[in-house]
Protein backbone atom coordinates (compact mmCIF):
# COMPACT_ATOMS: atom_id res chain seq x y z
CA UNK A 1 -13.95 15.05 0.71
CA UNK A 2 -11.36 12.46 -0.30
CA UNK A 3 -8.95 11.25 2.31
CA UNK A 4 -5.37 12.46 2.01
CA UNK A 5 -2.89 10.11 0.38
CA UNK A 6 -0.91 7.82 2.63
CA UNK A 7 2.15 8.37 0.45
CA UNK A 8 3.89 11.69 -0.20
CA UNK A 9 3.86 13.04 -3.76
CA UNK A 10 7.66 12.78 -3.97
CA UNK A 11 7.53 9.04 -3.22
CA UNK A 12 4.86 8.49 -5.87
CA UNK A 13 6.87 10.40 -8.49
CA UNK A 14 10.07 8.58 -7.55
CA UNK A 15 8.37 5.18 -7.77
CA UNK A 16 6.85 5.94 -11.18
CA UNK A 17 10.23 7.18 -12.46
CA UNK A 18 11.93 4.05 -11.13
CA UNK A 19 9.48 1.80 -12.99
CA UNK A 20 9.93 3.76 -16.24
CA UNK A 21 13.72 3.75 -15.97
CA UNK A 22 13.91 0.06 -15.13
CA UNK A 23 11.74 -0.79 -18.14
CA UNK A 24 13.86 1.41 -20.44
CA UNK A 25 17.01 -0.32 -19.24
CA UNK A 26 15.43 -3.75 -19.57
CA UNK A 27 16.16 -4.74 -15.97
CA UNK A 28 12.94 -6.76 -15.68
CA UNK A 29 11.21 -9.15 -18.04
CA UNK A 30 7.79 -7.57 -17.50
CA UNK A 31 6.36 -4.32 -16.26
CA UNK A 32 4.46 -6.14 -13.52
CA UNK A 33 7.68 -7.66 -12.21
CA UNK A 34 9.27 -4.20 -12.13
CA UNK A 35 6.25 -2.74 -10.34
CA UNK A 36 6.14 -5.56 -7.79
CA UNK A 37 9.87 -5.32 -7.05
CA UNK A 38 9.99 -1.53 -6.81
CA UNK A 39 6.84 -1.41 -4.65
CA UNK A 40 8.50 -3.82 -2.23
CA UNK A 41 11.77 -1.87 -2.13
CA UNK A 42 10.04 1.48 -1.50
CA UNK A 43 7.66 0.12 1.13
CA UNK A 44 4.51 0.65 -0.91
CA UNK A 45 1.81 -1.58 0.55
CA UNK A 46 0.56 -3.06 -2.70
CA UNK A 47 1.90 -3.45 -6.20
CA UNK A 48 -1.57 -2.49 -7.42
CA UNK A 49 -1.14 0.94 -5.85
CA UNK A 50 2.06 1.54 -7.81
CA UNK A 51 0.46 0.13 -10.98
CA UNK A 52 -2.34 2.73 -10.70
CA UNK A 53 0.23 5.50 -10.23
CA UNK A 54 2.11 4.34 -13.32
CA UNK A 55 -1.09 4.19 -15.41
CA UNK A 56 -2.15 7.68 -14.26
CA UNK A 57 1.32 9.04 -15.07
CA UNK A 58 0.99 7.55 -18.57
CA UNK A 59 -2.39 9.27 -19.01
CA UNK A 60 -0.97 12.57 -17.72
CA UNK A 61 1.99 12.21 -20.09
CA UNK A 62 -0.27 11.60 -23.08
CA UNK A 63 0.96 8.09 -23.86
CA UNK A 64 -2.31 6.46 -22.73
CA UNK A 65 -5.90 7.60 -23.32
CA UNK A 66 -7.98 8.70 -20.36
CA UNK A 67 -8.71 11.63 -18.09
CA UNK A 68 -5.71 13.47 -16.74
CA UNK A 69 -5.25 14.25 -13.07
CA UNK A 70 -6.09 17.88 -13.76
CA UNK A 71 -9.32 16.94 -15.56
CA UNK A 72 -10.33 14.61 -12.72
CA UNK A 73 -9.72 17.38 -10.17
CA UNK A 74 -11.79 19.81 -12.24
CA UNK A 75 -14.64 17.30 -12.54
CA UNK A 76 -14.56 16.70 -8.77
CA UNK A 77 -14.68 20.46 -8.10
CA UNK A 78 -17.56 20.98 -10.55
CA UNK A 79 -19.56 18.14 -8.96
CA UNK A 80 -19.01 19.70 -5.55
CA UNK A 81 -20.19 23.07 -6.88
CA UNK A 82 -23.29 21.53 -8.49
CA UNK A 83 -24.21 19.82 -5.21
CA UNK A 84 -23.79 23.09 -3.30
CA UNK A 85 -25.93 24.98 -5.82
CA UNK A 86 -28.65 22.31 -5.65
CA UNK A 87 -28.71 22.59 -1.84
CA UNK A 88 -28.97 26.37 -2.08
CA UNK A 89 -31.76 26.03 -4.65
CA UNK A 90 -33.74 23.71 -2.34
CA UNK A 91 -33.35 26.19 0.53
CA UNK A 92 -34.60 29.02 -1.68
CA UNK A 93 -37.58 26.95 -2.86
CA UNK A 94 -38.53 26.18 0.74
CA UNK A 95 -38.15 29.81 1.76
CA UNK A 96 -40.24 31.07 -1.16
CA UNK A 97 -43.00 28.55 -0.37
CA UNK A 98 -42.97 29.65 3.27
CA UNK A 99 -43.18 33.35 2.43
CA UNK A 100 -45.85 32.76 -0.24
CA UNK A 101 -47.96 31.00 2.38
CA UNK A 102 -47.46 33.96 4.73
CA UNK A 103 -48.74 36.35 2.06
CA UNK A 104 -51.87 34.25 1.48
CA UNK A 105 -52.91 34.33 5.15
CA UNK A 106 -55.32 37.04 6.19
CA UNK A 107 -53.90 39.77 8.39
CA UNK A 108 -54.81 39.72 12.10
CA UNK A 109 -54.98 43.51 12.38
């Protein structure tokens, strides 16, 4: 299971909006400068963290190719389900082998 995010969802959304608005208004010469400055102002540990949030928001918004947050969550859930089904299948194989061996043994009575 993934660890919970250190930052609340509201902070992430606010930071991404701030970067988009500052770029629209032309407040910074580059997107990286905007990300670095806003990350510092909002107390985000690394500009790279905010950059990843911005890129994922672009994917979710359809302006950048890639897997959306919803698709990634669905893939994660399906992988978890596949792993659970494989474990259950192994248990059933072991149980069937055990019971088949019991049927092959001669009865004591």
